[in-house]
Amino acid sequence: MVVLTMTMICGVFICSMCMKQLGSDSWSRIVKIQVAEQSCNKSLVPPSEVQFVHYPQPLNYSRKECTCTPVRFFAIISSQRSGSGWFETLLNSHINVSSNGEIFSKKERRSNISSIIKTMDMVYNLDWNSSASKNECTAAAGFKWMLNQVMILISSFFASFFLCVGIIMRLLLKAIYTCF
């Protein structure tokens, strides 16, 4: 009964700490949102789509001629052998669309949330160099993420979470037994 009570108390404590960390300013620390002034005419973009429009600022090259060309994001989430490669080839045949393939096929790109965000920033800022990179003004940029890669990421997250919970529980139980 004591172990059950301590488990419940620890669970409430861990949840409260997690909720404190997920405050309103935590996403700005993780994603690093920066607001830049644009001299572009944004009235061409419908108001319902303003939140989906991005004006990339690549680090590898100058984008002066395309500065006011809004870029929309996309991700093709698919399973193997479903025609996603054909669909991606179809998208890439358009002069203003860049689909960069399975960018998370390498483990180091999906190993933790910071590497995922860094990789996605490179793709969405048009810094990702692949056969899909265009010389024209890109209007849409994205990638393909296979469902098994998503499941690997989720399973590794839960494995590390439960490992941490197990360690905390062992430490708490050890502290309880040493007190009595």
N, C-alpha and C. Protein backbone atom coordinates (compact mmCIF):
# COMPACT_ATOMS: atom_id res chain seq x y z
N MET A 1 0.82 -1.20 0.00
CA MET A 1 0.00 0.00 0.00
C MET A 1 0.87 1.27 0.00
N VAL A 2 1.97 1.20 0.74
CA VAL A 2 2.88 2.34 0.81
C VAL A 2 3.51 2.58 -0.56
N VAL A 3 3.88 1.48 -1.24
CA VAL A 3 4.49 1.61 -2.55
C VAL A 3 3.51 2.23 -3.55
N LEU A 4 2.24 1.80 -3.50
CA LEU A 4 1.22 2.37 -4.37
C LEU A 4 1.02 3.85 -4.10
N THR A 5 0.99 4.23 -2.85
CA THR A 5 0.82 5.63 -2.48
C THR A 5 2.00 6.46 -2.97
N MET A 6 3.22 5.95 -2.76
CA MET A 6 4.40 6.68 -3.22
C MET A 6 4.45 6.78 -4.74
N THR A 7 4.01 5.73 -5.41
CA THR A 7 3.95 5.76 -6.87
C THR A 7 2.99 6.83 -7.35
N MET A 8 1.85 6.93 -6.72
CA MET A 8 0.88 7.96 -7.10
C MET A 8 1.42 9.36 -6.82
N ILE A 9 2.07 9.55 -5.69
CA ILE A 9 2.63 10.86 -5.35
C ILE A 9 3.71 11.24 -6.35
N CYS A 10 4.58 10.27 -6.69
CA CYS A 10 5.64 10.54 -7.66
C CYS A 10 5.06 10.86 -9.03
N GLY A 11 4.02 10.15 -9.42
CA GLY A 11 3.39 10.41 -10.71
C GLY A 11 2.81 11.80 -10.78
N VAL A 12 2.13 12.24 -9.71
CA VAL A 12 1.57 13.58 -9.67
C VAL A 12 2.68 14.62 -9.71
N PHE A 13 3.78 14.36 -8.97
CA PHE A 13 4.91 15.28 -8.96
C PHE A 13 5.53 15.41 -10.34
N ILE A 14 5.77 14.28 -11.00
CA ILE A 14 6.38 14.30 -12.33
C ILE A 14 5.48 15.01 -13.33
N CYS A 15 4.17 14.74 -13.28
CA CYS A 15 3.23 15.41 -14.18
C CYS A 15 3.20 16.92 -13.93
N SER A 16 3.23 17.33 -12.65
CA SER A 16 3.21 18.77 -12.36
C SER A 16 4.48 19.45 -12.86
N MET A 17 5.62 18.77 -12.75
CA MET A 17 6.86 19.35 -13.26
C MET A 17 6.82 19.46 -14.78
N CYS A 18 6.27 18.44 -15.44
CA CYS A 18 6.15 18.49 -16.90
C CYS A 18 5.23 19.63 -17.33
N MET A 19 4.12 19.82 -16.62
CA MET A 19 3.18 20.88 -16.98
C MET A 19 3.81 22.25 -16.78
N LYS A 20 4.65 22.41 -15.75
CA LYS A 20 5.33 23.69 -15.55
C LYS A 20 6.30 23.98 -16.69
N GLN A 21 6.95 22.93 -17.19
CA GLN A 21 7.91 23.11 -18.27
C GLN A 21 7.23 23.43 -19.59
N LEU A 22 5.98 23.01 -19.76
CA LEU A 22 5.26 23.26 -21.00
C LEU A 22 4.47 24.56 -20.95
N GLY A 23 5.05 25.59 -20.36
CA GLY A 23 4.40 26.89 -20.30
C GLY A 23 4.36 27.54 -21.66
N SER A 24 3.85 28.75 -21.71
CA SER A 24 3.69 29.43 -23.00
C SER A 24 5.01 29.81 -23.65
N ASP A 25 6.06 30.01 -22.83
CA ASP A 25 7.33 30.41 -23.42
C ASP A 25 8.23 29.23 -23.78
N SER A 26 7.84 28.01 -23.44
CA SER A 26 8.72 26.86 -23.71
C SER A 26 8.83 26.56 -25.20
N TRP A 27 7.75 26.74 -25.96
CA TRP A 27 7.82 26.46 -27.39
C TRP A 27 8.73 27.45 -28.09
N SER A 28 8.76 28.69 -27.62
CA SER A 28 9.64 29.66 -28.26
C SER A 28 11.10 29.33 -27.99
N ARG A 29 11.39 28.69 -26.83
CA ARG A 29 12.76 28.28 -26.57
C ARG A 29 13.15 27.09 -27.43
N ILE A 30 12.22 26.18 -27.67
CA ILE A 30 12.51 24.97 -28.44
C ILE A 30 12.59 25.29 -29.93
N VAL A 31 11.62 26.00 -30.46
CA VAL A 31 11.51 26.22 -31.89
C VAL A 31 12.30 27.44 -32.36
N LYS A 32 12.61 28.36 -31.46
CA LYS A 32 13.35 29.57 -31.79
C LYS A 32 12.65 30.39 -32.86
N ILE A 33 11.46 30.85 -32.53
CA ILE A 33 10.67 31.64 -33.47
C ILE A 33 11.24 33.05 -33.52
N GLN A 34 11.51 33.51 -34.73
CA GLN A 34 12.00 34.86 -34.92
C GLN A 34 11.07 35.58 -35.89
N VAL A 35 10.70 36.79 -35.53
CA VAL A 35 9.84 37.58 -36.40
C VAL A 35 10.73 38.56 -37.15
N ALA A 36 10.67 38.51 -38.45
CA ALA A 36 11.48 39.40 -39.28
C ALA A 36 10.54 40.30 -40.07
N GLU A 37 10.95 41.52 -40.24
CA GLU A 37 10.16 42.47 -41.03
C GLU A 37 10.32 42.15 -42.51
N GLN A 38 9.22 42.10 -43.22
CA GLN A 38 9.23 41.85 -44.65
C GLN A 38 8.63 43.06 -45.35
N SER A 39 9.24 43.43 -46.45
CA SER A 39 8.69 44.53 -47.24
C SER A 39 7.81 43.98 -48.36
N CYS A 40 7.36 42.76 -48.20
CA CYS A 40 6.56 42.10 -49.23
C CYS A 40 5.09 42.46 -49.09
N ASN A 41 4.39 42.33 -50.18
CA ASN A 41 2.96 42.55 -50.19
C ASN A 41 2.28 41.26 -49.76
N LYS A 42 1.90 41.19 -48.50
CA LYS A 42 1.28 39.97 -47.97
C LYS A 42 -0.21 39.91 -48.27
N SER A 43 -0.75 40.93 -48.90
CA SER A 43 -2.18 40.92 -49.20
C SER A 43 -2.52 39.90 -50.28
N LEU A 44 -1.52 39.41 -51.01
CA LEU A 44 -1.77 38.40 -52.04
C LEU A 44 -2.08 37.03 -51.43
N VAL A 45 -1.70 36.84 -50.19
CA VAL A 45 -1.95 35.58 -49.49
C VAL A 45 -3.29 35.69 -48.78
N PRO A 46 -4.20 34.73 -49.01
CA PRO A 46 -5.50 34.78 -48.32
C PRO A 46 -5.31 34.73 -46.80
N PRO A 47 -6.15 35.45 -46.05
CA PRO A 47 -5.99 35.50 -44.59
C PRO A 47 -6.03 34.13 -43.92
N SER A 48 -6.75 33.19 -44.51
CA SER A 48 -6.82 31.86 -43.90
C SER A 48 -5.53 31.08 -44.07
N GLU A 49 -4.64 31.52 -44.98
CA GLU A 49 -3.39 30.81 -45.23
C GLU A 49 -2.16 31.52 -44.69
N VAL A 50 -2.33 32.66 -44.04
CA VAL A 50 -1.18 33.44 -43.56
C VAL A 50 -0.33 32.62 -42.58
N GLN A 51 -0.96 31.83 -41.73
CA GLN A 51 -0.19 31.05 -40.76
C GLN A 51 0.61 29.93 -41.40
N PHE A 52 0.31 29.55 -42.63
CA PHE A 52 1.01 28.48 -43.32
C PHE A 52 2.08 28.98 -44.27
N VAL A 53 2.27 30.29 -44.34
CA VAL A 53 3.22 30.88 -45.28
C VAL A 53 4.53 31.19 -44.55
N HIS A 54 5.62 30.96 -45.25
CA HIS A 54 6.95 31.14 -44.69
C HIS A 54 7.82 31.84 -45.72
N TYR A 55 8.64 32.78 -45.28
CA TYR A 55 9.58 33.45 -46.16
C TYR A 55 10.99 33.01 -45.75
N PRO A 56 11.52 31.99 -46.42
CA PRO A 56 12.81 31.43 -46.00
C PRO A 56 13.97 32.39 -46.16
N GLN A 57 14.96 32.20 -45.31
CA GLN A 57 16.20 32.96 -45.39
C GLN A 57 17.35 31.96 -45.35
N PRO A 58 17.69 31.37 -46.49
CA PRO A 58 18.74 30.36 -46.51
C PRO A 58 20.11 30.93 -46.16
N LEU A 59 20.94 30.09 -45.59
CA LEU A 59 22.29 30.50 -45.22
C LEU A 59 23.30 30.21 -46.33
N ASN A 60 22.98 29.27 -47.21
CA ASN A 60 23.94 28.82 -48.22
C ASN A 60 24.00 29.70 -49.47
N TYR A 61 22.96 30.46 -49.76
CA TYR A 61 22.94 31.26 -50.97
C TYR A 61 22.00 32.45 -50.78
N SER A 62 22.04 33.37 -51.71
CA SER A 62 21.18 34.55 -51.66
C SER A 62 19.86 34.23 -52.35
N ARG A 63 18.79 34.71 -51.78
CA ARG A 63 17.46 34.48 -52.33
C ARG A 63 16.79 35.82 -52.65
N LYS A 64 17.56 36.80 -53.06
CA LYS A 64 17.04 38.16 -53.27
C LYS A 64 15.91 38.22 -54.27
N GLU A 65 16.03 37.50 -55.39
CA GLU A 65 14.99 37.57 -56.41
C GLU A 65 13.70 36.88 -55.97
N CYS A 66 13.78 36.03 -54.95
CA CYS A 66 12.59 35.30 -54.48
C CYS A 66 12.18 35.71 -53.07
N THR A 67 12.67 36.84 -52.60
CA THR A 67 12.43 37.26 -51.22
C THR A 67 10.95 37.32 -50.88
N CYS A 68 10.14 37.78 -51.78
CA CYS A 68 8.71 37.95 -51.50
C CYS A 68 7.87 36.78 -52.00
N THR A 69 8.50 35.69 -52.36
CA THR A 69 7.75 34.50 -52.77
C THR A 69 7.47 33.66 -51.53
N PRO A 70 6.21 33.56 -51.13
CA PRO A 70 5.91 32.77 -49.93
C PRO A 70 6.10 31.28 -50.22
N VAL A 71 6.62 30.58 -49.23
CA VAL A 71 6.84 29.14 -49.34
C VAL A 71 5.93 28.44 -48.35
N ARG A 72 5.26 27.41 -48.83
CA ARG A 72 4.39 26.61 -47.99
C ARG A 72 5.10 25.30 -47.66
N PHE A 73 4.84 24.79 -46.45
CA PHE A 73 5.44 23.54 -46.00
C PHE A 73 4.55 22.37 -46.34
N PHE A 74 5.15 21.21 -46.51
CA PHE A 74 4.37 19.98 -46.59
C PHE A 74 5.23 18.81 -46.15
N ALA A 75 4.56 17.76 -45.75
CA ALA A 75 5.23 16.51 -45.40
C ALA A 75 4.37 15.38 -45.93
N ILE A 76 5.02 14.44 -46.60
CA ILE A 76 4.33 13.25 -47.09
C ILE A 76 4.57 12.16 -46.05
N ILE A 77 3.55 11.79 -45.31
CA ILE A 77 3.67 10.73 -44.31
C ILE A 77 3.05 9.49 -44.92
N SER A 78 3.85 8.44 -45.05
CA SER A 78 3.42 7.29 -45.82
C SER A 78 4.05 6.02 -45.28
N SER A 79 3.53 4.90 -45.74
CA SER A 79 4.15 3.61 -45.44
C SER A 79 4.85 3.12 -46.70
N GLN A 80 5.67 2.08 -46.53
CA GLN A 80 6.42 1.56 -47.66
C GLN A 80 5.48 0.94 -48.69
N ARG A 81 5.93 0.96 -49.94
CA ARG A 81 5.21 0.32 -51.04
C ARG A 81 3.78 0.86 -51.22
N SER A 82 3.61 2.16 -51.02
CA SER A 82 2.27 2.74 -51.14
C SER A 82 2.16 3.75 -52.29
N GLY A 83 3.23 3.95 -53.04
CA GLY A 83 3.19 4.90 -54.14
C GLY A 83 3.68 6.28 -53.76
N SER A 84 4.27 6.41 -52.58
CA SER A 84 4.74 7.73 -52.14
C SER A 84 5.92 8.21 -52.98
N GLY A 85 6.75 7.30 -53.45
CA GLY A 85 7.87 7.70 -54.32
C GLY A 85 7.37 8.26 -55.64
N TRP A 86 6.34 7.63 -56.20
CA TRP A 86 5.74 8.12 -57.43
C TRP A 86 5.12 9.50 -57.20
N PHE A 87 4.41 9.66 -56.08
CA PHE A 87 3.78 10.93 -55.75
C PHE A 87 4.84 12.01 -55.58
N GLU A 88 5.95 11.66 -54.94
CA GLU A 88 7.02 12.62 -54.74
C GLU A 88 7.66 13.02 -56.07
N THR A 89 7.84 12.07 -56.97
CA THR A 89 8.36 12.38 -58.32
C THR A 89 7.41 13.32 -59.05
N LEU A 90 6.12 13.09 -58.89
CA LEU A 90 5.11 13.96 -59.50
C LEU A 90 5.22 15.38 -58.95
N LEU A 91 5.39 15.51 -57.64
CA LEU A 91 5.55 16.84 -57.05
C LEU A 91 6.82 17.51 -57.55
N ASN A 92 7.91 16.76 -57.59
CA ASN A 92 9.19 17.34 -58.01
C ASN A 92 9.22 17.73 -59.48
N SER A 93 8.30 17.21 -60.27
CA SER A 93 8.27 17.60 -61.68
C SER A 93 7.80 19.05 -61.86
N HIS A 94 7.19 19.61 -60.83
CA HIS A 94 6.79 21.01 -60.88
C HIS A 94 8.02 21.88 -60.61
N ILE A 95 8.14 22.96 -61.33
CA ILE A 95 9.34 23.80 -61.25
C ILE A 95 9.46 24.53 -59.91
N ASN A 96 8.36 24.74 -59.20
CA ASN A 96 8.38 25.50 -57.96
C ASN A 96 8.15 24.65 -56.71
N VAL A 97 8.23 23.34 -56.81
CA VAL A 97 8.00 22.46 -55.66
C VAL A 97 9.25 21.63 -55.43
N SER A 98 9.69 21.56 -54.18
CA SER A 98 10.85 20.75 -53.81
C SER A 98 10.45 19.76 -52.73
N SER A 99 10.42 18.49 -53.09
CA SER A 99 10.21 17.42 -52.11
C SER A 99 11.53 16.69 -51.95
N ASN A 100 12.08 16.72 -50.75
CA ASN A 100 13.45 16.31 -50.52
C ASN A 100 13.64 14.85 -50.13
N GLY A 101 12.63 14.04 -50.25
CA GLY A 101 12.78 12.61 -49.98
C GLY A 101 12.74 12.27 -48.51
N GLU A 102 13.26 11.09 -48.19
CA GLU A 102 13.26 10.59 -46.82
C GLU A 102 14.45 11.18 -46.07
N ILE A 103 14.28 12.37 -45.54
CA ILE A 103 15.39 13.03 -44.87
C ILE A 103 15.66 12.40 -43.50
N PHE A 104 14.71 11.67 -42.95
CA PHE A 104 14.90 11.04 -41.65
C PHE A 104 15.27 9.56 -41.76
N SER A 105 15.77 9.16 -42.92
CA SER A 105 16.17 7.76 -43.07
C SER A 105 17.46 7.47 -42.29
N LYS A 106 18.29 8.48 -42.05
CA LYS A 106 19.49 8.30 -41.25
C LYS A 106 19.15 8.53 -39.78
N LYS A 107 19.63 7.63 -38.94
CA LYS A 107 19.27 7.64 -37.52
C LYS A 107 19.68 8.92 -36.81
N GLU A 108 20.85 9.49 -37.16
CA GLU A 108 21.32 10.68 -36.44
C GLU A 108 20.42 11.89 -36.69
N ARG A 109 19.65 11.89 -37.77
CA ARG A 109 18.74 13.01 -38.05
C ARG A 109 17.45 12.90 -37.25
N ARG A 110 17.13 11.72 -36.72
CA ARG A 110 15.90 11.55 -35.95
C ARG A 110 16.19 11.06 -34.54
N SER A 111 17.44 11.19 -34.07
CA SER A 111 17.82 10.63 -32.77
C SER A 111 17.21 11.39 -31.60
N ASN A 112 17.03 12.71 -31.72
CA ASN A 112 16.40 13.49 -30.66
C ASN A 112 15.67 14.68 -31.28
N ILE A 113 14.92 15.36 -30.46
CA ILE A 113 14.06 16.43 -30.97
C ILE A 113 14.88 17.58 -31.55
N SER A 114 16.04 17.88 -30.99
CA SER A 114 16.83 18.99 -31.52
C SER A 114 17.39 18.67 -32.91
N SER A 115 17.79 17.42 -33.15
CA SER A 115 18.27 17.08 -34.49
C SER A 115 17.13 17.06 -35.50
N ILE A 116 15.93 16.67 -35.07
CA ILE A 116 14.76 16.71 -35.96
C ILE A 116 14.43 18.15 -36.34
N ILE A 117 14.41 19.04 -35.36
CA ILE A 117 14.10 20.45 -35.62
C ILE A 117 15.17 21.08 -36.50
N LYS A 118 16.44 20.75 -36.26
CA LYS A 118 17.52 21.29 -37.08
C LYS A 118 17.38 20.84 -38.54
N THR A 119 17.06 19.56 -38.73
CA THR A 119 16.89 19.02 -40.08
C THR A 119 15.70 19.68 -40.77
N MET A 120 14.57 19.82 -40.05
CA MET A 120 13.39 20.45 -40.64
C MET A 120 13.64 21.92 -40.95
N ASP A 121 14.40 22.62 -40.11
CA ASP A 121 14.74 24.01 -40.40
C ASP A 121 15.55 24.13 -41.68
N MET A 122 16.49 23.18 -41.87
CA MET A 122 17.29 23.21 -43.11
C MET A 122 16.40 23.02 -44.33
N VAL A 123 15.44 22.09 -44.24
CA VAL A 123 14.55 21.84 -45.37
C VAL A 123 13.67 23.05 -45.62
N TYR A 124 13.05 23.59 -44.58
CA TYR A 124 12.10 24.67 -44.76
C TYR A 124 12.75 26.02 -45.04
N ASN A 125 14.04 26.17 -44.76
CA ASN A 125 14.76 27.38 -45.15
C ASN A 125 15.49 27.20 -46.47
N LEU A 126 15.21 26.11 -47.15
CA LEU A 126 15.74 25.79 -48.47
C LEU A 126 17.25 25.62 -48.47
N ASP A 127 17.83 25.23 -47.33
CA ASP A 127 19.26 24.97 -47.23
C ASP A 127 19.61 23.51 -47.48
N TRP A 128 18.61 22.66 -47.64
CA TRP A 128 18.84 21.24 -47.84
C TRP A 128 19.21 21.01 -49.30
N ASN A 129 20.38 20.48 -49.54
CA ASN A 129 20.83 20.24 -50.92
C ASN A 129 20.51 18.81 -51.33
N SER A 130 19.63 18.67 -52.29
CA SER A 130 19.29 17.35 -52.82
C SER A 130 18.94 17.54 -54.30
N SER A 131 18.58 16.45 -54.93
CA SER A 131 18.20 16.53 -56.34
C SER A 131 16.91 17.32 -56.53
N ALA A 132 16.17 17.55 -55.43
CA ALA A 132 14.92 18.31 -55.51
C ALA A 132 15.15 19.82 -55.43
N SER A 133 16.37 20.25 -55.10
CA SER A 133 16.65 21.68 -55.00
C SER A 133 16.46 22.35 -56.36
N LYS A 134 15.77 23.48 -56.36
CA LYS A 134 15.43 24.16 -57.61
C LYS A 134 16.21 25.45 -57.75
N ASN A 135 16.43 25.86 -58.99
CA ASN A 135 17.05 27.14 -59.28
C ASN A 135 16.00 28.25 -59.34
N GLU A 136 14.76 27.88 -59.53
CA GLU A 136 13.67 28.84 -59.60
C GLU A 136 13.20 29.19 -58.19
N CYS A 137 12.27 30.11 -58.09
CA CYS A 137 11.70 30.47 -56.79
C CYS A 137 10.80 29.34 -56.31
N THR A 138 11.16 28.74 -55.22
CA THR A 138 10.41 27.61 -54.68
C THR A 138 9.17 28.13 -53.96
N ALA A 139 8.01 27.52 -54.25
CA ALA A 139 6.76 27.92 -53.63
C ALA A 139 6.30 26.93 -52.57
N ALA A 140 6.85 25.71 -52.60
CA ALA A 140 6.50 24.69 -51.61
C ALA A 140 7.71 23.81 -51.38
N ALA A 141 8.01 23.54 -50.11
CA ALA A 141 9.15 22.69 -49.76
C ALA A 141 8.71 21.70 -48.71
N GLY A 142 9.17 20.47 -48.85
CA GLY A 142 8.80 19.46 -47.89
C GLY A 142 9.66 18.23 -47.99
N PHE A 143 9.19 17.16 -47.36
CA PHE A 143 9.94 15.92 -47.29
C PHE A 143 8.99 14.75 -47.12
N LYS A 144 9.55 13.56 -47.14
CA LYS A 144 8.75 12.34 -46.96
C LYS A 144 9.21 11.69 -45.66
N TRP A 145 8.25 11.32 -44.82
CA TRP A 145 8.56 10.66 -43.55
C TRP A 145 7.76 9.36 -43.50
N MET A 146 8.48 8.26 -43.51
CA MET A 146 7.83 6.95 -43.50
C MET A 146 7.30 6.64 -42.10
N LEU A 147 6.20 5.94 -42.04
CA LEU A 147 5.57 5.64 -40.76
C LEU A 147 6.47 4.82 -39.85
N ASN A 148 7.30 3.94 -40.39
CA ASN A 148 8.17 3.17 -39.51
C ASN A 148 9.20 4.08 -38.83
N GLN A 149 9.61 5.18 -39.47
CA GLN A 149 10.53 6.12 -38.85
C GLN A 149 9.85 6.87 -37.71
N VAL A 150 8.56 7.15 -37.87
CA VAL A 150 7.80 7.79 -36.81
C VAL A 150 7.67 6.84 -35.62
N MET A 151 7.41 5.58 -35.89
CA MET A 151 7.25 4.60 -34.81
C MET A 151 8.57 4.38 -34.07
N ILE A 152 9.69 4.40 -34.79
CA ILE A 152 10.99 4.26 -34.14
C ILE A 152 11.23 5.43 -33.20
N LEU A 153 10.89 6.64 -33.64
CA LEU A 153 11.06 7.82 -32.82
C LEU A 153 10.18 7.74 -31.58
N ILE A 154 8.91 7.37 -31.75
CA ILE A 154 7.99 7.28 -30.62
C ILE A 154 8.44 6.20 -29.64
N SER A 155 8.84 5.03 -30.16
CA SER A 155 9.26 3.95 -29.27
C SER A 155 10.52 4.31 -28.50
N SER A 156 11.47 5.02 -29.15
CA SER A 156 12.68 5.42 -28.43
C SER A 156 12.35 6.46 -27.36
N PHE A 157 11.38 7.35 -27.63
CA PHE A 157 10.97 8.32 -26.62
C PHE A 157 10.35 7.62 -25.42
N PHE A 158 9.42 6.69 -25.67
CA PHE A 158 8.78 6.00 -24.55
C PHE A 158 9.76 5.12 -23.80
N ALA A 159 10.71 4.51 -24.50
CA ALA A 159 11.70 3.68 -23.82
C ALA A 159 12.54 4.53 -22.88
N SER A 160 12.99 5.70 -23.33
CA SER A 160 13.79 6.57 -22.46
C SER A 160 12.93 7.14 -21.32
N PHE A 161 11.65 7.43 -21.59
CA PHE A 161 10.76 7.95 -20.56
C PHE A 161 10.57 6.90 -19.45
N PHE A 162 10.27 5.67 -19.85
CA PHE A 162 10.05 4.63 -18.84
C PHE A 162 11.34 4.25 -18.12
N LEU A 163 12.49 4.37 -18.78
CA LEU A 163 13.76 4.14 -18.12
C LEU A 163 13.97 5.18 -17.02
N CYS A 164 13.67 6.45 -17.32
CA CYS A 164 13.80 7.51 -16.32
C CYS A 164 12.83 7.31 -15.17
N VAL A 165 11.60 6.95 -15.48
CA VAL A 165 10.61 6.71 -14.43
C VAL A 165 11.06 5.55 -13.55
N GLY A 166 11.60 4.50 -14.15
CA GLY A 166 12.09 3.35 -13.38
C GLY A 166 13.23 3.73 -12.45
N ILE A 167 14.15 4.55 -12.94
CA ILE A 167 15.27 4.99 -12.10
C ILE A 167 14.76 5.84 -10.95
N ILE A 168 13.84 6.75 -11.23
CA ILE A 168 13.28 7.60 -10.18
C ILE A 168 12.55 6.76 -9.14
N MET A 169 11.79 5.77 -9.61
CA MET A 169 11.05 4.91 -8.67
C MET A 169 12.02 4.12 -7.79
N ARG A 170 13.10 3.59 -8.38
CA ARG A 170 14.08 2.85 -7.58
C ARG A 170 14.72 3.76 -6.54
N LEU A 171 15.06 4.98 -6.92
CA LEU A 171 15.65 5.92 -5.97
C LEU A 171 14.68 6.26 -4.84
N LEU A 172 13.42 6.48 -5.21
CA LEU A 172 12.43 6.81 -4.17
C LEU A 172 12.19 5.63 -3.24
N LEU A 173 12.11 4.43 -3.79
CA LEU A 173 11.91 3.25 -2.94
C LEU A 173 13.10 3.03 -2.02
N LYS A 174 14.30 3.26 -2.54
CA LYS A 174 15.49 3.12 -1.72
C LYS A 174 15.48 4.14 -0.60
N ALA A 175 15.05 5.40 -0.91
CA ALA A 175 14.97 6.45 0.11
C ALA A 175 13.91 6.10 1.14
N ILE A 176 12.80 5.53 0.72
CA ILE A 176 11.73 5.16 1.66
C ILE A 176 12.21 4.04 2.58
N TYR A 177 12.87 3.03 2.03
CA TYR A 177 13.33 1.91 2.85
C TYR A 177 14.44 2.32 3.80
N THR A 178 15.27 3.28 3.42
CA THR A 178 16.33 3.72 4.32
C THR A 178 15.76 4.60 5.45
N CYS A 179 14.65 5.26 5.21
CA CYS A 179 14.02 6.08 6.25
C CYS A 179 13.37 5.23 7.33
N PHE A 180 12.90 4.06 6.96
CA PHE A 180 12.20 3.21 7.93
C PHE A 180 13.19 2.24 8.45
